[in-house]
Structure formats: structure tokens, C-alpha cells
Amino acid sequence: MADKRDYYEVLGVQKGASEDEIRKSYRRLARKYHPDLNKNNPEAADKFKEVNEAYEVLSDKDKRARYDQFGFAGVDPNYGGGAGAGGFGGFDMGDLGDLFGSFFGGFGGGRTQRRNAPQRGESIRQSIILSFEEAAFGCEKEISVNRIESCDECGGTGAAKGTSVETCPNCRGTGTVTQAQRTPLGMFQTQSACPNCRGTGKIIKKPCAKCGGQGRVRKSRKFKVNIPAGIDDGQSIQQRGQGNAGINGGPAGDLFVTVSIRPHPIFTREGQDVYVEIPVSFTQAALGDTLRVPTIDGRVEYKMPEGTQPGTVFRMKGKGIQNVSGRGRGDQYVRVSIEVPRGLSDKQKHLLREFEEMATDENQSKRKGFWDKVKDAFSEK
């Protein structure tokens, strides 16, 4: 663990960075190091895992607070000492609560959370990069996830094979001890973590060698994720129960897979609508033409009327992307870009000049209207 880099350094942000700054940096780095985009760079996979691990911690308020206070020991059960040291180098975060509880237990006894109660596992966040078409039509993708699982060597008990976990005789498995004190203000009762079992309610005389008595280990797993059609950039898919294993028999957390979509060479997307720009010749725009317009479903014929102006946008209803809920599709918008011819021959130039001389006011109403406005504006001065 000594060679692990600081999570803030991994994401390239300051310690006081906002959630939005952390999310933007994560998405940029996840796209940069994603294995699908770096098939010839074996180091990218390690960078990708490092970035995801950092984001998993810094995107979660509770994990980030523990990391800021205790470093890696606050978020990784495999870091530091084993069962005898509570997994935190001899100091348990719960001791803080016990310390304050011993002073501020309150009248008639304070409330101390039982650390041997079942606790839900933490959720994991992972990213995945999709092509424009994969996001539009849906697909199945395989992802690799680093998560904390119940130790298969000891079955999650933390005790070595052939041994068992014993109930703490000092607290009788409750994890807390109660003390009464007589003061000038009356009788006070305080609760604190049992010093014999460090609040766990159990004693492990011989810790499991594989998990160090923690009962949980970090493993890499591969999952197949079904990507629904119409998913958009930045949206997440929730996989229930595929996050980190729970503690003391608690349920596992969830896995959230966040989508990033590669840019398309032709199409752009806004929500469920698709936009495309099509170049046409001056002649096509003037005389009209039947265009073969590319859509996500293939080419579709569209009759462009004569006299089409530059920048005109046509709407093709229902030719966009399916709503992720499965109800309806967006539209496709086609913007016309008129190409001005270059490198004309002398004959072509001559014909264009003849055309210009024969043009009527109706043919050039926009240009005539503009210069009429200019004339009126300057004639007033």
C-alpha cells in the first residue's frame, strides 16, 4: 500500500475541490485511460483502475471525510493492521465516538451505535465508454470492477479455518459497556465501546491469514451490463447488490455504471434529438433536389424544395433516438450548408455573370432589402 498515490493527486484536483470539479476531472481521466481506447497501452488499465478507485472514495461524502481524516486506513479494510489492531494501525475510528460518549453520555445514559450491528456495504461507481450507436440502440458490455467481498477462506467470520469467533465475555456480545458514576448532580451512566473486543462484541483468537481478521477482501470481478437503448452521456445504470459486501451480515451495496459517449463524425445529439449538417450545391439549393439524408437507421430520401436558403433546418419527425424509458423517439434536424463553387473556368464565370444580369428583384429580395435599409439609414444623416 505504500506506493499508492494520494486520491486527490490521482484525479488532479485540490483537497478542497467541489463535487462538480471532482466529477469533471474523473470523466476526463476515465475517458483518457479507458482500456477500450488504449488497447496498445497496458499501463492505461492500471491508470483506469486507479482513477476509478479515487473517484469511488472522493465522490462519496462519508468516504471522503474518512479519507481526509485517516488517509487510506479510513477507507480500505485491507490497509494497516489486522484484527488485533482494528484495521487502523491500533486506532479505531469508533474510539472518537466512545471518547465523546464517555464525557457526554447524557443523563440516564448516552446512545452509542453498536458496531456489531449489520451494516450495508458501500456502493461503487464505475465508468464505461460507448459509441454513439451503442448508446442509441443499447448493447451488452463487460466491465471489470474492484470491490470488497466476503472472505471465502473464513466465510466472512475473520477467524482462521478450524477456529470460531467467540462472544466477548466482558460485554456479552453487545460491544458496549455501561459505567455508573456518582456526581454532585446525581447519578450518571455512560456507555462506551468495550475495551476487550473494541466494540465488535466478538473475540478472534486466531485471525484468518487471508483477510487478517477483517472478514472481507478486495477482489476484481467482471460483470456483463445491459445498456438500455437511448441512454445519454452522464447517465448511470444501477446494479443492485453488486457493490461492496456488507459488514456483520449486512446487505451489499450497489454498483453504479456511468456512461460516456464518444463523439460521432456526422451526428451530434441533444437529449433524444439528433442533428446533422448536409452540404449541398448552389444548383441543388436553387432548383431543389431529392437528398439522401443519413440517419441512425440508415439513409432516407428527403425532398428539398427549390430556393432553399443557407442555414435552413428541416425536421425529420421520429428519426432521432429512442427515449430511454422506451416510450417514443426524438427527431432529427437537418441543417443545409450551401457550398460556394471554387476554381471556376472562364465559361462558368461568364455564365454566372449572365445569370446575375438576368436576376430579378424576386431572385435577390434579401440582398435588395438589405441595401435598401442601408440607403435609408444613411440618407437620414
Protein backbone atom coordinates (compact mmCIF):
# COMPACT_ATOMS: atom_id res chain seq x y z
CA MET A 1 0.00 0.00 0.00
CA ALA A 2 2.98 2.28 0.47
CA ASP A 3 3.17 3.04 -3.24
CA LYS A 4 -0.46 4.21 -3.52
CA ARG A 5 -0.86 7.79 -4.71
CA ASP A 6 -3.00 10.33 -2.93
CA TYR A 7 -6.53 10.21 -4.36
CA TYR A 8 -6.64 13.97 -4.94
CA GLU A 9 -3.35 13.73 -6.83
CA VAL A 10 -4.74 10.86 -8.93
CA LEU A 11 -7.71 12.98 -10.05
CA GLY A 12 -5.59 16.13 -10.40
CA VAL A 13 -7.72 18.25 -8.04
CA GLN A 14 -7.09 20.20 -4.84
CA LYS A 15 -8.18 18.77 -1.49
CA GLY A 16 -10.98 21.33 -1.21
CA ALA A 17 -12.29 20.66 -4.74
CA SER A 18 -16.05 20.77 -5.28
CA GLU A 19 -18.12 17.72 -6.24
CA ASP A 20 -18.52 19.14 -9.74
CA GLU A 21 -14.75 19.60 -10.16
CA ILE A 22 -14.11 16.04 -8.99
CA ARG A 23 -16.78 14.64 -11.34
CA LYS A 24 -15.48 16.56 -14.38
CA SER A 25 -11.89 15.51 -13.72
CA TYR A 26 -12.94 11.90 -13.25
CA ARG A 27 -14.86 11.79 -16.52
CA ARG A 28 -11.94 13.34 -18.40
CA LEU A 29 -9.40 10.88 -16.97
CA ALA A 30 -11.70 7.86 -17.28
CA ARG A 31 -12.12 8.63 -20.98
CA LYS A 32 -8.36 9.18 -21.37
CA TYR A 33 -7.30 5.88 -19.76
CA HIS A 34 -10.24 3.64 -20.67
CA PRO A 35 -8.90 0.23 -21.84
CA ASP A 36 -11.14 0.29 -24.93
CA LEU A 37 -9.30 3.39 -26.15
CA ASN A 38 -5.82 2.23 -25.12
CA LYS A 39 -5.55 -1.35 -26.38
CA ASN A 40 -1.85 -0.90 -27.15
CA ASN A 41 -1.03 0.69 -23.80
CA PRO A 42 -1.02 -1.90 -20.96
CA GLU A 43 -0.36 0.81 -18.36
CA ALA A 44 -3.67 2.51 -19.17
CA ALA A 45 -5.67 -0.27 -17.48
CA ASP A 46 -3.84 0.31 -14.19
CA LYS A 47 -4.35 4.06 -14.52
CA PHE A 48 -8.05 3.47 -15.21
CA LYS A 49 -8.43 1.35 -12.07
CA GLU A 50 -6.54 3.95 -10.03
CA VAL A 51 -8.82 6.74 -11.28
CA ASN A 52 -11.97 4.73 -10.52
CA GLU A 53 -10.75 3.85 -7.03
CA ALA A 54 -10.02 7.51 -6.29
CA TYR A 55 -13.42 8.63 -7.59
CA GLU A 56 -15.21 5.90 -5.64
CA VAL A 57 -13.88 7.46 -2.44
CA LEU A 58 -13.93 11.19 -3.25
CA SER A 59 -17.43 11.13 -4.77
CA ASP A 60 -18.89 9.74 -1.54
CA LYS A 61 -19.21 12.31 1.27
CA ASP A 62 -18.74 9.80 4.09
CA LYS A 63 -15.77 8.06 2.47
CA ARG A 64 -14.16 11.37 1.59
CA ALA A 65 -14.48 12.59 5.18
CA ARG A 66 -12.87 9.41 6.49
CA TYR A 67 -10.11 9.61 3.88
CA ASP A 68 -9.40 13.27 4.70
CA GLN A 69 -9.05 12.35 8.38
CA PHE A 70 -7.41 8.94 8.33
CA GLY A 71 -5.99 8.53 4.83
CA PHE A 72 -6.14 5.10 3.17
CA ALA A 73 -6.71 3.44 6.54
CA GLY A 74 -10.08 5.13 6.76
CA VAL A 75 -11.47 3.62 3.55
CA ASP A 76 -9.62 0.36 2.86
CA PRO A 77 -10.19 -2.60 5.22
CA ASN A 78 -7.04 -4.27 3.91
CA TYR A 79 -4.83 -1.34 4.88
CA GLY A 80 -2.85 -1.32 8.11
CA GLY A 81 -3.06 -3.81 10.96
CA GLY A 82 -5.15 -6.93 11.29
CA ALA A 83 -7.85 -7.91 13.77
CA GLY A 84 -5.80 -7.08 16.81
CA ALA A 85 -5.27 -3.52 15.55
CA GLY A 86 -8.84 -2.95 14.40
CA GLY A 87 -7.64 -2.49 10.84
CA PHE A 88 -6.47 1.08 11.56
CA GLY A 89 -2.96 0.68 12.89
CA GLY A 90 -4.08 0.34 16.50
CA PHE A 91 -6.71 3.12 16.40
CA ASP A 92 -10.37 2.61 15.60
CA MET A 93 -12.45 5.49 14.24
CA GLY A 94 -15.19 4.42 16.58
CA ASP A 95 -12.96 5.38 19.51
CA LEU A 96 -13.78 9.03 18.79
CA GLY A 97 -17.45 8.36 19.41
CA ASP A 98 -16.63 6.41 22.54
CA LEU A 99 -14.37 9.18 23.79
CA PHE A 100 -17.05 11.83 23.46
CA GLY A 101 -19.69 9.41 24.70
CA SER A 102 -17.78 8.90 27.92
CA PHE A 103 -17.96 12.63 28.64
CA PHE A 104 -21.34 13.46 27.11
CA GLY A 105 -23.24 10.23 27.63
CA GLY A 106 -26.15 12.28 28.91
CA PHE A 107 -28.49 11.86 31.80
CA GLY A 108 -29.61 8.29 32.24
CA GLY A 109 -27.04 7.00 29.75
CA GLY A 110 -25.91 8.04 26.24
CA ARG A 111 -26.58 6.44 22.90
CA THR A 112 -23.63 4.62 21.37
CA GLN A 113 -24.09 2.97 17.98
CA ARG A 114 -23.49 -0.75 18.12
CA ARG A 115 -20.56 -1.53 15.90
CA ASN A 116 -21.51 -5.17 15.81
CA ALA A 117 -24.86 -4.37 14.18
CA PRO A 118 -25.34 -5.28 10.48
CA GLN A 119 -24.16 -2.50 8.15
CA ARG A 120 -24.89 -2.11 4.46
CA GLY A 121 -21.87 -2.24 2.15
CA GLU A 122 -20.73 0.87 0.30
CA SER A 123 -21.74 1.47 -3.29
CA ILE A 124 -19.19 1.50 -6.13
CA ARG A 125 -19.04 3.84 -9.14
CA GLN A 126 -17.57 2.71 -12.44
CA SER A 127 -17.43 4.34 -15.88
CA ILE A 128 -17.88 2.91 -19.34
CA ILE A 129 -17.34 4.42 -22.81
CA LEU A 130 -19.88 3.74 -25.55
CA SER A 131 -20.03 4.55 -29.22
CA PHE A 132 -22.81 6.82 -30.47
CA GLU A 133 -24.66 3.82 -31.92
CA GLU A 134 -24.26 1.65 -28.79
CA ALA A 135 -25.89 4.37 -26.71
CA ALA A 136 -28.65 4.90 -29.27
CA PHE A 137 -29.62 1.24 -29.74
CA GLY A 138 -28.43 -0.35 -26.49
CA CYS A 139 -25.91 -3.15 -26.06
CA GLU A 140 -24.29 -5.52 -23.60
CA LYS A 141 -20.85 -4.60 -22.23
CA GLU A 142 -18.42 -6.39 -19.96
CA ILE A 143 -16.76 -4.32 -17.23
CA SER A 144 -14.12 -5.05 -14.62
CA VAL A 145 -14.81 -3.90 -11.06
CA ASN A 146 -12.65 -3.86 -7.93
CA ARG A 147 -14.89 -4.48 -4.94
CA ILE A 148 -14.76 -5.71 -1.36
CA GLU A 149 -16.19 -9.20 -0.90
CA SER A 150 -16.72 -11.59 1.97
CA CYS A 151 -13.55 -13.61 2.53
CA ASP A 152 -14.03 -17.09 1.06
CA GLU A 153 -11.28 -18.53 3.26
CA CYS A 154 -13.09 -17.87 6.54
CA GLY A 155 -16.62 -17.36 5.26
CA GLY A 156 -16.57 -13.75 6.39
CA THR A 157 -16.06 -14.55 10.08
CA GLY A 158 -12.49 -13.28 10.25
CA ALA A 159 -11.40 -16.41 12.17
CA ALA A 160 -8.90 -18.93 10.81
CA LYS A 161 -10.17 -22.24 9.48
CA GLY A 162 -10.87 -24.71 12.25
CA THR A 163 -11.49 -21.93 14.77
CA SER A 164 -14.54 -19.86 15.54
CA VAL A 165 -15.45 -16.40 16.71
CA GLU A 166 -16.15 -16.21 20.43
CA THR A 167 -18.59 -13.92 22.18
CA CYS A 168 -16.79 -11.31 24.23
CA PRO A 169 -17.21 -12.27 27.91
CA ASN A 170 -16.75 -8.66 29.04
CA CYS A 171 -19.71 -7.15 27.14
CA ARG A 172 -21.55 -10.43 26.41
CA GLY A 173 -21.59 -9.65 22.69
CA THR A 174 -23.18 -6.20 22.89
CA GLY A 175 -19.95 -4.35 22.04
CA THR A 176 -20.61 -1.76 24.75
CA VAL A 177 -20.06 -1.47 28.47
CA THR A 178 -22.01 0.74 30.88
CA GLN A 179 -20.48 2.57 33.81
CA ALA A 180 -22.25 4.47 36.60
CA GLN A 181 -20.74 7.49 38.31
CA ARG A 182 -21.99 9.42 41.31
CA THR A 183 -21.55 13.16 40.93
CA PRO A 184 -22.82 16.25 42.81
CA LEU A 185 -25.52 16.49 40.12
CA GLY A 186 -26.66 12.95 40.64
CA MET A 187 -26.01 9.53 39.16
CA PHE A 188 -24.63 9.42 35.61
CA GLN A 189 -24.47 6.42 33.33
CA THR A 190 -22.14 6.36 30.34
CA GLN A 191 -21.71 3.84 27.57
CA SER A 192 -18.50 3.23 25.67
CA ALA A 193 -17.00 0.63 23.38
CA CYS A 194 -15.92 -2.49 25.15
CA PRO A 195 -12.11 -2.29 25.55
CA ASN A 196 -11.81 -6.07 25.42
CA CYS A 197 -13.29 -6.52 21.90
CA ARG A 198 -13.01 -2.90 20.68
CA GLY A 199 -16.76 -2.66 20.29
CA THR A 200 -17.24 -5.65 17.99
CA GLY A 201 -18.81 -7.92 20.58
CA LYS A 202 -16.60 -10.79 19.50
CA ILE A 203 -13.13 -12.13 20.08
CA ILE A 204 -10.98 -13.63 17.32
CA LYS A 205 -8.13 -15.52 18.93
CA LYS A 206 -6.65 -16.73 15.64
CA PRO A 207 -7.34 -14.32 12.73
CA CYS A 208 -7.76 -15.59 9.19
CA ALA A 209 -4.44 -15.30 7.33
CA LYS A 210 -6.10 -14.23 4.08
CA CYS A 211 -8.17 -11.30 5.35
CA GLY A 212 -6.24 -10.51 8.54
CA GLY A 213 -9.36 -10.99 10.64
CA GLN A 214 -11.39 -8.42 8.71
CA GLY A 215 -13.74 -10.97 7.14
CA ARG A 216 -13.58 -9.03 3.83
CA VAL A 217 -11.07 -8.85 0.98
CA ARG A 218 -10.74 -6.76 -2.19
CA LYS A 219 -11.20 -8.64 -5.47
CA SER A 220 -11.51 -7.86 -9.18
CA ARG A 221 -14.68 -9.12 -10.85
CA LYS A 222 -16.08 -8.98 -14.38
CA PHE A 223 -19.73 -8.15 -14.97
CA LYS A 224 -21.96 -8.03 -18.03
CA VAL A 225 -24.09 -4.89 -18.05
CA ASN A 226 -27.15 -4.41 -20.26
CA ILE A 227 -27.10 -0.86 -21.64
CA PRO A 228 -30.65 0.35 -22.41
CA ALA A 229 -31.32 1.99 -25.78
CA GLY A 230 -31.37 5.78 -25.61
CA ILE A 231 -29.07 6.21 -22.62
CA ASP A 232 -27.40 9.63 -22.62
CA ASP A 233 -23.96 10.89 -21.71
CA GLY A 234 -23.50 11.11 -17.92
CA GLN A 235 -26.43 8.82 -17.04
CA SER A 236 -25.86 5.83 -14.73
CA ILE A 237 -27.12 2.25 -14.59
CA GLN A 238 -27.70 0.80 -11.13
CA GLN A 239 -26.79 -2.81 -10.43
CA ARG A 240 -28.31 -3.65 -7.06
CA GLY A 241 -26.25 -5.72 -4.65
CA GLN A 242 -23.10 -5.65 -6.80
CA GLY A 243 -21.19 -3.16 -4.65
CA ASN A 244 -19.00 -3.78 -1.61
CA ALA A 245 -20.00 -6.54 0.78
CA GLY A 246 -21.84 -5.58 3.94
CA ILE A 247 -20.46 -5.81 7.46
CA ASN A 248 -21.74 -8.14 10.18
CA GLY A 249 -24.19 -9.77 7.79
CA GLY A 250 -25.46 -6.52 6.30
CA PRO A 251 -26.51 -6.36 2.62
CA ALA A 252 -24.08 -5.47 -0.16
CA GLY A 253 -24.04 -2.01 -1.68
CA ASP A 254 -24.87 -1.21 -5.30
CA LEU A 255 -22.81 -0.73 -8.45
CA PHE A 256 -23.42 2.42 -10.49
CA VAL A 257 -22.11 2.35 -14.07
CA THR A 258 -21.82 5.87 -15.54
CA VAL A 259 -21.87 6.27 -19.33
CA SER A 260 -19.60 8.42 -21.50
CA ILE A 261 -20.38 8.59 -25.24
CA ARG A 262 -17.76 9.01 -27.96
CA PRO A 263 -18.37 11.85 -30.43
CA HIS A 264 -19.81 10.81 -33.80
CA PRO A 265 -18.15 12.04 -37.02
CA ILE A 266 -21.50 13.13 -38.52
CA PHE A 267 -24.21 13.30 -35.86
CA THR A 268 -24.49 15.38 -32.72
CA ARG A 269 -27.02 14.76 -30.01
CA GLU A 270 -29.11 16.88 -27.66
CA GLY A 271 -31.25 14.69 -25.45
CA GLN A 272 -33.18 12.38 -27.77
CA ASP A 273 -32.81 14.65 -30.83
CA VAL A 274 -30.13 14.16 -33.49
CA TYR A 275 -28.55 16.94 -35.56
CA VAL A 276 -26.71 16.64 -38.85
CA GLU A 277 -25.39 19.22 -41.33
CA ILE A 278 -25.56 18.39 -45.04
CA PRO A 279 -23.61 20.28 -47.74
CA VAL A 280 -25.50 20.89 -50.98
CA SER A 281 -24.51 22.68 -54.18
CA PHE A 282 -25.80 26.10 -55.19
CA THR A 283 -27.70 24.43 -58.03
CA GLN A 284 -29.37 21.90 -55.72
CA ALA A 285 -30.45 24.66 -53.34
CA ALA A 286 -31.78 26.85 -56.18
CA LEU A 287 -33.62 24.14 -58.13
CA GLY A 288 -34.48 21.76 -55.30
CA ASP A 289 -33.43 18.12 -55.16
CA THR A 290 -34.11 14.76 -53.53
CA LEU A 291 -31.43 14.30 -50.88
CA ARG A 292 -30.29 11.00 -49.38
CA VAL A 293 -30.07 12.02 -45.75
CA PRO A 294 -28.08 9.83 -43.30
CA THR A 295 -29.97 8.88 -40.14
CA ILE A 296 -29.11 6.47 -37.32
CA ASP A 297 -31.37 3.94 -39.08
CA GLY A 298 -29.70 4.37 -42.48
CA ARG A 299 -30.17 6.71 -45.45
CA VAL A 300 -33.59 8.23 -46.02
CA GLU A 301 -34.77 10.23 -49.05
CA TYR A 302 -35.87 13.80 -48.36
CA LYS A 303 -37.27 16.21 -50.99
CA MET A 304 -35.60 19.58 -50.57
CA PRO A 305 -37.71 22.40 -52.07
CA GLU A 306 -36.32 24.84 -54.62
CA GLY A 307 -34.99 28.13 -53.33
CA THR A 308 -33.64 26.60 -50.10
CA GLN A 309 -31.56 29.19 -48.26
CA PRO A 310 -28.25 28.64 -46.39
CA GLY A 311 -28.80 27.57 -42.78
CA THR A 312 -32.31 26.23 -43.42
CA VAL A 313 -33.19 23.45 -40.94
CA PHE A 314 -35.54 20.60 -41.84
CA ARG A 315 -37.19 18.44 -39.19
CA MET A 316 -37.49 14.69 -39.71
CA LYS A 317 -40.00 13.56 -37.12
CA GLY A 318 -39.31 10.34 -35.24
CA LYS A 319 -35.85 9.87 -36.75
CA GLY A 320 -34.00 10.65 -33.51
CA ILE A 321 -33.04 8.45 -30.57
CA GLN A 322 -35.42 6.30 -28.56
CA ASN A 323 -36.35 7.56 -25.12
CA VAL A 324 -34.50 5.51 -22.50
CA SER A 325 -37.88 4.63 -20.96
CA GLY A 326 -38.86 3.00 -24.27
CA ARG A 327 -41.66 5.50 -24.97
CA GLY A 328 -41.25 7.38 -28.24
CA ARG A 329 -38.29 8.72 -30.21
CA GLY A 330 -36.78 12.11 -30.73
CA ASP A 331 -36.47 13.92 -34.06
CA GLN A 332 -33.64 14.53 -36.48
CA TYR A 333 -32.83 18.06 -37.59
CA VAL A 334 -31.05 18.58 -40.90
CA ARG A 335 -29.21 21.86 -41.44
CA VAL A 336 -28.42 22.80 -45.03
CA SER A 337 -24.97 24.18 -45.82
CA ILE A 338 -24.57 25.56 -49.36
CA GLU A 339 -21.15 25.12 -50.94
CA VAL A 340 -19.89 28.05 -52.99
CA PRO A 341 -18.05 26.71 -56.05
CA ARG A 342 -14.30 27.37 -56.40
CA GLY A 343 -11.87 27.19 -59.31
CA LEU A 344 -14.44 28.13 -61.95
CA SER A 345 -13.49 28.04 -65.62
CA ASP A 346 -13.83 31.14 -67.76
CA LYS A 347 -17.00 29.73 -69.33
CA GLN A 348 -18.56 29.06 -65.92
CA LYS A 349 -17.71 32.57 -64.75
CA HIS A 350 -19.26 34.04 -67.92
CA LEU A 351 -22.47 32.08 -67.43
CA LEU A 352 -22.73 33.18 -63.80
CA ARG A 353 -22.30 36.82 -64.75
CA GLU A 354 -25.07 36.43 -67.35
CA PHE A 355 -27.26 34.87 -64.68
CA GLU A 356 -26.53 37.79 -62.33
CA GLU A 357 -27.50 40.30 -65.01
CA MET A 358 -30.77 38.47 -65.65
CA ALA A 359 -31.65 38.15 -61.96
CA THR A 360 -34.89 39.89 -60.95
CA ASP A 361 -35.70 41.61 -57.67
CA GLU A 362 -37.56 38.49 -56.65
CA ASN A 363 -34.42 36.42 -57.11
CA GLN A 364 -32.44 38.69 -54.81
CA SER A 365 -35.07 40.08 -52.45
CA LYS A 366 -32.98 39.61 -49.32
CA ARG A 367 -29.93 41.37 -50.76
CA LYS A 368 -32.02 44.21 -52.23
CA GLY A 369 -33.88 44.63 -48.97
CA PHE A 370 -30.63 44.91 -47.03
CA TRP A 371 -29.17 47.61 -49.28
CA ASP A 372 -32.46 49.50 -49.25
CA LYS A 373 -32.20 49.60 -45.46
CA VAL A 374 -28.59 50.81 -45.69
CA LYS A 375 -29.62 53.54 -48.14
CA ASP A 376 -32.48 54.68 -45.90
CA ALA A 377 -30.27 54.67 -42.79
CA PHE A 378 -27.55 56.81 -44.29
CA SER A 379 -29.88 59.15 -46.13
CA GLU A 380 -31.35 60.29 -42.80
CA LYS A 381 -28.00 61.75 -41.72
